[in-house]
Amino acid sequence: MGMEEYAIVLDYLPQGHHSGDKPVYKREPVAYAMGEEFLTLIELVPRKGVSLAPHERVYIGKDERDKIEYIKKRAEYDDLTSAAKSELPYAVDEVVTKNEARFIEFFNESQAVSTRLHRLELLPGIGKKLMWEIITERKEPFKSFEDISKRIKSLPDPKKLVVKRILSEMEGGERKLGKGKYKIFVAPPPSRGPR
């Protein structure tokens, strides 16, 4: 698995974290962001003098970065500020919309996880009956979210299910149900510390 190339800014703290023992003058500005490819939550340190805005797309790859000094760490959902948490659903929706083909492939290619559970059932609201309807209908591959909703009347908004599942994976949801151990969309890239 590769590294994130681009991230979407969720929140920018020009004065750094308000918690901790560091005096204000020693704090560094930070931004919370979500990687576009692996949907990883990350904490970034912007270059000196750079201000970031929510939903701004920033380059964080290996080459020269114009706005980001380094990636401080991989963040957990609970690390995010309340502003970052409120922006997250919009950023996820944006990535799912932009990469529709990737998520349509999930509907077309998904296989069973075990003898009792299919990957399609990991989407909220999809049970055995709907799963079989999708499998039967995908003999002719789906082309878009709109195509799915036209052909499967009981699934009016498949994109919404994907967004809900991604948010659930980020939040650590469904652990109590036993389905939370399966990550189908959110995958952290290898952690190597600050880069």
C-alpha atoms as a PDB file:
ATOM      1  CA  MET A   1       0.000   0.000   0.000  1.00  0.00           C
ATOM      2  CA  GLY A   2       1.290   3.450  -0.898  1.00  0.00           C
ATOM      3  CA  MET A   3       1.168   6.753   0.894  1.00  0.00           C
ATOM      4  CA  GLU A   4      -1.434   9.510   0.692  1.00  0.00           C
ATOM      5  CA  GLU A   5      -0.731  12.083  -2.033  1.00  0.00           C
ATOM      6  CA  TYR A   6      -3.469  14.624  -1.298  1.00  0.00           C
ATOM      7  CA  ALA A   7      -5.552  15.511   1.726  1.00  0.00           C
ATOM      8  CA  ILE A   8      -8.636  17.604   2.381  1.00  0.00           C
ATOM      9  CA  VAL A   9      -8.297  20.034   5.285  1.00  0.00           C
ATOM     10  CA  LEU A  10     -10.981  19.617   7.957  1.00  0.00           C
ATOM     11  CA  ASP A  11      -9.828  22.216  10.483  1.00  0.00           C
ATOM     12  CA  TYR A  12      -6.889  24.594  10.917  1.00  0.00           C
ATOM     13  CA  LEU A  13      -5.586  25.708  14.313  1.00  0.00           C
ATOM     14  CA  PRO A  14      -3.202  28.649  13.746  1.00  0.00           C
ATOM     15  CA  GLN A  15      -2.321  28.741  17.471  1.00  0.00           C
ATOM     16  CA  GLY A  16      -1.897  24.977  17.741  1.00  0.00           C
ATOM     17  CA  HIS A  17      -3.638  22.754  20.271  1.00  0.00           C
ATOM     18  CA  HIS A  18      -5.236  24.569  23.191  1.00  0.00           C
ATOM     19  CA  SER A  19      -4.647  21.625  25.500  1.00  0.00           C
ATOM     20  CA  GLY A  20      -1.267  20.556  26.812  1.00  0.00           C
ATOM     21  CA  ASP A  21       1.408  22.224  28.879  1.00  0.00           C
ATOM     22  CA  LYS A  22       3.171  24.167  26.122  1.00  0.00           C
ATOM     23  CA  PRO A  23       2.947  27.961  26.412  1.00  0.00           C
ATOM     24  CA  VAL A  24       1.261  29.700  23.455  1.00  0.00           C
ATOM     25  CA  TYR A  25       4.540  30.959  21.965  1.00  0.00           C
ATOM     26  CA  LYS A  26       5.902  27.367  21.732  1.00  0.00           C
ATOM     27  CA  ARG A  27       2.846  25.868  20.023  1.00  0.00           C
ATOM     28  CA  GLU A  28       2.994  25.151  16.320  1.00  0.00           C
ATOM     29  CA  PRO A  29       0.011  25.587  13.984  1.00  0.00           C
ATOM     30  CA  VAL A  30      -1.686  22.307  13.035  1.00  0.00           C
ATOM     31  CA  ALA A  31      -4.380  21.171  10.665  1.00  0.00           C
ATOM     32  CA  TYR A  32      -6.571  18.098  10.754  1.00  0.00           C
ATOM     33  CA  ALA A  33      -7.143  16.537   7.358  1.00  0.00           C
ATOM     34  CA  MET A  34      -8.411  13.422   5.603  1.00  0.00           C
ATOM     35  CA  GLY A  35      -6.347  11.665   2.955  1.00  0.00           C
ATOM     36  CA  GLU A  36      -8.132  11.294  -0.375  1.00  0.00           C
ATOM     37  CA  GLU A  37      -7.046   7.775  -1.319  1.00  0.00           C
ATOM     38  CA  PHE A  38      -6.928   5.801   1.933  1.00  0.00           C
ATOM     39  CA  LEU A  39      -9.344   8.095   3.820  1.00  0.00           C
ATOM     40  CA  THR A  40      -6.809   8.360   6.627  1.00  0.00           C
ATOM     41  CA  LEU A  41      -7.291  11.006   9.314  1.00  0.00           C
ATOM     42  CA  ILE A  42      -4.042  12.899   9.770  1.00  0.00           C
ATOM     43  CA  GLU A  43      -2.543  15.822  11.643  1.00  0.00           C
ATOM     44  CA  LEU A  44      -0.478  18.173   9.490  1.00  0.00           C
ATOM     45  CA  VAL A  45       1.926  20.987  10.262  1.00  0.00           C
ATOM     46  CA  PRO A  46       1.671  23.777   7.668  1.00  0.00           C
ATOM     47  CA  ARG A  47       4.682  25.721   6.388  1.00  0.00           C
ATOM     48  CA  LYS A  48       5.510  28.938   8.201  1.00  0.00           C
ATOM     49  CA  GLY A  49       3.190  31.770   7.164  1.00  0.00           C
ATOM     50  CA  VAL A  50       0.685  29.450   5.427  1.00  0.00           C
ATOM     51  CA  SER A  51      -2.963  29.611   6.410  1.00  0.00           C
ATOM     52  CA  LEU A  52      -5.315  26.761   5.486  1.00  0.00           C
ATOM     53  CA  ALA A  53      -9.076  26.710   4.943  1.00  0.00           C
ATOM     54  CA  PRO A  54     -11.586  23.888   5.503  1.00  0.00           C
ATOM     55  CA  HIS A  55     -12.083  21.747   2.369  1.00  0.00           C
ATOM     56  CA  GLU A  56      -8.829  23.004   0.891  1.00  0.00           C
ATOM     57  CA  ARG A  57      -7.019  20.258  -1.030  1.00  0.00           C
ATOM     58  CA  VAL A  58      -3.327  20.097  -0.121  1.00  0.00           C
ATOM     59  CA  TYR A  59      -0.467  18.022  -1.513  1.00  0.00           C
ATOM     60  CA  ILE A  60       1.198  15.799   1.112  1.00  0.00           C
ATOM     61  CA  GLY A  61       3.128  13.374  -1.136  1.00  0.00           C
ATOM     62  CA  LYS A  62       6.881  12.725  -1.252  1.00  0.00           C
ATOM     63  CA  ASP A  63       7.770  15.596  -3.596  1.00  0.00           C
ATOM     64  CA  GLU A  64       8.127  19.267  -2.671  1.00  0.00           C
ATOM     65  CA  ARG A  65       5.056  20.475  -0.769  1.00  0.00           C
ATOM     66  CA  ASP A  66       4.010  24.079  -1.130  1.00  0.00           C
ATOM     67  CA  LYS A  67       1.743  24.373   1.951  1.00  0.00           C
ATOM     68  CA  ILE A  68       2.572  21.486   4.301  1.00  0.00           C
ATOM     69  CA  GLU A  69       5.839  21.260   6.247  1.00  0.00           C
ATOM     70  CA  TYR A  70       5.285  17.691   7.440  1.00  0.00           C
ATOM     71  CA  ILE A  71       2.742  15.106   8.493  1.00  0.00           C
ATOM     72  CA  LYS A  72       2.831  15.047  12.271  1.00  0.00           C
ATOM     73  CA  LYS A  73       0.878  11.835  12.870  1.00  0.00           C
ATOM     74  CA  ARG A  74      -2.073   9.686  11.959  1.00  0.00           C
ATOM     75  CA  ALA A  75      -5.057  10.962  13.924  1.00  0.00           C
ATOM     76  CA  GLU A  76      -7.922   9.029  15.440  1.00  0.00           C
ATOM     77  CA  TYR A  77     -11.504  10.265  15.200  1.00  0.00           C
ATOM     78  CA  ASP A  78     -11.461  11.240  18.898  1.00  0.00           C
ATOM     79  CA  ASP A  79      -8.385  13.455  18.293  1.00  0.00           C
ATOM     80  CA  LEU A  80     -10.329  15.677  15.880  1.00  0.00           C
ATOM     81  CA  THR A  81     -11.693  19.046  16.947  1.00  0.00           C
ATOM     82  CA  SER A  82     -15.464  19.487  16.936  1.00  0.00           C
ATOM     83  CA  ALA A  83     -15.099  21.672  13.821  1.00  0.00           C
ATOM     84  CA  ALA A  84     -13.138  18.907  12.039  1.00  0.00           C
ATOM     85  CA  LYS A  85     -15.768  16.330  13.040  1.00  0.00           C
ATOM     86  CA  SER A  86     -18.535  18.512  11.641  1.00  0.00           C
ATOM     87  CA  GLU A  87     -16.660  18.987   8.325  1.00  0.00           C
ATOM     88  CA  LEU A  88     -15.814  15.277   7.974  1.00  0.00           C
ATOM     89  CA  PRO A  89     -19.147  14.092   6.437  1.00  0.00           C
ATOM     90  CA  TYR A  90     -18.870  16.765   3.721  1.00  0.00           C
ATOM     91  CA  ALA A  91     -15.253  15.820   2.949  1.00  0.00           C
ATOM     92  CA  VAL A  92     -16.151  12.108   2.769  1.00  0.00           C
ATOM     93  CA  ASP A  93     -19.107  12.873   0.493  1.00  0.00           C
ATOM     94  CA  GLU A  94     -16.792  14.934  -1.748  1.00  0.00           C
ATOM     95  CA  VAL A  95     -14.257  12.089  -2.047  1.00  0.00           C
ATOM     96  CA  VAL A  96     -16.956   9.466  -2.716  1.00  0.00           C
ATOM     97  CA  THR A  97     -18.518  11.673  -5.407  1.00  0.00           C
ATOM     98  CA  LYS A  98     -15.149  12.395  -7.020  1.00  0.00           C
ATOM     99  CA  ASN A  99     -14.127   8.701  -6.991  1.00  0.00           C
ATOM    100  CA  GLU A 100     -17.494   7.176  -7.831  1.00  0.00           C
ATOM    101  CA  ALA A 101     -15.990   4.442 -10.056  1.00  0.00           C
ATOM    102  CA  ARG A 102     -13.928   3.108  -7.141  1.00  0.00           C
ATOM    103  CA  PHE A 103     -17.026   2.689  -4.975  1.00  0.00           C
ATOM    104  CA  ILE A 104     -19.158   1.293  -7.809  1.00  0.00           C
ATOM    105  CA  GLU A 105     -16.467  -1.372  -8.191  1.00  0.00           C
ATOM    106  CA  PHE A 106     -17.186  -2.350  -4.571  1.00  0.00           C
ATOM    107  CA  PHE A 107     -20.817  -3.088  -5.508  1.00  0.00           C
ATOM    108  CA  ASN A 108     -19.726  -4.989  -8.634  1.00  0.00           C
ATOM    109  CA  GLU A 109     -16.830  -7.007  -7.189  1.00  0.00           C
ATOM    110  CA  SER A 110     -17.583  -7.649  -3.490  1.00  0.00           C
ATOM    111  CA  GLN A 111     -17.303 -11.237  -2.305  1.00  0.00           C
ATOM    112  CA  ALA A 112     -18.184 -13.109   0.880  1.00  0.00           C
ATOM    113  CA  VAL A 113     -16.087 -12.420   3.977  1.00  0.00           C
ATOM    114  CA  SER A 114     -17.093 -15.731   5.553  1.00  0.00           C
ATOM    115  CA  THR A 115     -19.743 -18.409   5.061  1.00  0.00           C
ATOM    116  CA  ARG A 116     -22.205 -16.221   6.985  1.00  0.00           C
ATOM    117  CA  LEU A 117     -21.244 -12.694   5.977  1.00  0.00           C
ATOM    118  CA  HIS A 118     -20.901 -10.932   2.627  1.00  0.00           C
ATOM    119  CA  ARG A 119     -18.988  -7.644   2.257  1.00  0.00           C
ATOM    120  CA  LEU A 120     -22.140  -5.978   0.905  1.00  0.00           C
ATOM    121  CA  GLU A 121     -23.814  -6.657   4.269  1.00  0.00           C
ATOM    122  CA  LEU A 122     -21.231  -4.403   5.910  1.00  0.00           C
ATOM    123  CA  LEU A 123     -23.012  -1.410   4.377  1.00  0.00           C
ATOM    124  CA  PRO A 124     -25.639  -0.012   6.761  1.00  0.00           C
ATOM    125  CA  GLY A 125     -29.150  -1.193   5.928  1.00  0.00           C
ATOM    126  CA  ILE A 126     -28.134  -4.079   3.661  1.00  0.00           C
ATOM    127  CA  GLY A 127     -29.317  -7.471   4.838  1.00  0.00           C
ATOM    128  CA  LYS A 128     -29.449 -10.873   3.137  1.00  0.00           C
ATOM    129  CA  LYS A 129     -32.435 -10.093   0.912  1.00  0.00           C
ATOM    130  CA  LEU A 130     -31.008  -6.836  -0.446  1.00  0.00           C
ATOM    131  CA  MET A 131     -27.555  -8.389  -0.778  1.00  0.00           C
ATOM    132  CA  TRP A 132     -28.952 -11.141  -3.030  1.00  0.00           C
ATOM    133  CA  GLU A 133     -30.852  -8.572  -5.071  1.00  0.00           C
ATOM    134  CA  ILE A 134     -27.598  -6.645  -5.673  1.00  0.00           C
ATOM    135  CA  ILE A 135     -25.669  -9.833  -6.549  1.00  0.00           C
ATOM    136  CA  THR A 136     -28.367 -10.933  -8.995  1.00  0.00           C
ATOM    137  CA  GLU A 137     -28.600  -7.505 -10.620  1.00  0.00           C
ATOM    138  CA  ARG A 138     -24.833  -6.987 -10.955  1.00  0.00           C
ATOM    139  CA  LYS A 139     -24.533  -9.754 -13.555  1.00  0.00           C
ATOM    140  CA  GLU A 140     -24.572  -6.721 -15.802  1.00  0.00           C
ATOM    141  CA  PRO A 141     -22.086  -4.467 -13.917  1.00  0.00           C
ATOM    142  CA  PHE A 142     -23.361  -1.265 -12.375  1.00  0.00           C
ATOM    143  CA  LYS A 143     -22.104   1.908 -14.036  1.00  0.00           C
ATOM    144  CA  SER A 144     -22.939   4.569 -11.412  1.00  0.00           C
ATOM    145  CA  PHE A 145     -24.758   5.200  -8.145  1.00  0.00           C
ATOM    146  CA  GLU A 146     -27.696   6.365 -10.247  1.00  0.00           C
ATOM    147  CA  ASP A 147     -27.636   3.071 -12.170  1.00  0.00           C
ATOM    148  CA  ILE A 148     -27.748   1.118  -8.886  1.00  0.00           C
ATOM    149  CA  SER A 149     -30.717   3.107  -7.557  1.00  0.00           C
ATOM    150  CA  LYS A 150     -32.610   2.731 -10.863  1.00  0.00           C
ATOM    151  CA  ARG A 151     -32.106  -1.026 -11.035  1.00  0.00           C
ATOM    152  CA  ILE A 152     -32.592  -1.725  -7.317  1.00  0.00           C
ATOM    153  CA  LYS A 153     -35.647   0.203  -6.194  1.00  0.00           C
ATOM    154  CA  SER A 154     -35.164  -0.655  -2.505  1.00  0.00           C
ATOM    155  CA  LEU A 155     -31.741   1.062  -2.589  1.00  0.00           C
ATOM    156  CA  PRO A 156     -32.582   4.708  -3.435  1.00  0.00           C
ATOM    157  CA  ASP A 157     -29.267   6.266  -2.306  1.00  0.00           C
ATOM    158  CA  PRO A 158     -26.300   3.856  -2.456  1.00  0.00           C
ATOM    159  CA  LYS A 159     -23.797   6.726  -2.171  1.00  0.00           C
ATOM    160  CA  LYS A 160     -25.282   7.661   1.194  1.00  0.00           C
ATOM    161  CA  LEU A 161     -24.703   4.077   2.445  1.00  0.00           C
ATOM    162  CA  VAL A 162     -21.045   4.235   1.377  1.00  0.00           C
ATOM    163  CA  VAL A 163     -20.556   7.607   3.120  1.00  0.00           C
ATOM    164  CA  LYS A 164     -22.232   6.271   6.299  1.00  0.00           C
ATOM    165  CA  ARG A 165     -20.006   3.180   6.281  1.00  0.00           C
ATOM    166  CA  ILE A 166     -16.831   5.252   5.831  1.00  0.00           C
ATOM    167  CA  LEU A 167     -17.812   7.543   8.717  1.00  0.00           C
ATOM    168  CA  SER A 168     -18.625   4.505  10.862  1.00  0.00           C
ATOM    169  CA  GLU A 169     -15.189   3.013  10.139  1.00  0.00           C
ATOM    170  CA  MET A 170     -13.509   6.323  11.011  1.00  0.00           C
ATOM    171  CA  GLU A 171     -15.481   6.640  14.238  1.00  0.00           C
ATOM    172  CA  GLY A 172     -14.779   3.030  15.197  1.00  0.00           C
ATOM    173  CA  GLY A 173     -18.488   2.169  15.048  1.00  0.00           C
ATOM    174  CA  GLU A 174     -20.111  -1.257  14.874  1.00  0.00           C
ATOM    175  CA  ARG A 175     -17.440  -2.843  17.088  1.00  0.00           C
ATOM    176  CA  LYS A 176     -20.173  -4.107  19.372  1.00  0.00           C
ATOM    177  CA  LEU A 177     -21.921  -5.773  16.430  1.00  0.00           C
ATOM    178  CA  GLY A 178     -18.793  -7.657  15.388  1.00  0.00           C
ATOM    179  CA  LYS A 179     -18.787  -6.012  11.954  1.00  0.00           C
ATOM    180  CA  GLY A 180     -16.497  -3.156  13.015  1.00  0.00           C
ATOM    181  CA  LYS A 181     -13.433  -5.344  12.721  1.00  0.00           C
ATOM    182  CA  TYR A 182     -13.839  -5.279   8.937  1.00  0.00           C
ATOM    183  CA  LYS A 183     -12.436  -2.192   7.245  1.00  0.00           C
ATOM    184  CA  ILE A 184     -13.705  -2.029   3.690  1.00  0.00           C
ATOM    185  CA  PHE A 185     -12.961   1.569   2.739  1.00  0.00           C
ATOM    186  CA  VAL A 186     -10.723   3.193   5.383  1.00  0.00           C
ATOM    187  CA  ALA A 187      -7.193   1.856   5.334  1.00  0.00           C
ATOM    188  CA  PRO A 188      -4.303   3.640   7.019  1.00  0.00           C
ATOM    189  CA  PRO A 189      -1.119   3.878   4.991  1.00  0.00           C
ATOM    190  CA  PRO A 190       2.014   2.533   6.718  1.00  0.00           C
ATOM    191  CA  SER A 191       2.960   4.785   9.596  1.00  0.00           C
ATOM    192  CA  ARG A 192       6.508   6.060   9.502  1.00  0.00           C
ATOM    193  CA  GLY A 193       6.287   8.986  11.890  1.00  0.00           C
ATOM    194  CA  PRO A 194       6.717  12.607  10.783  1.00  0.00           C
ATOM    195  CA  ARG A 195       7.637  13.045   7.120  1.00  0.00           C
END
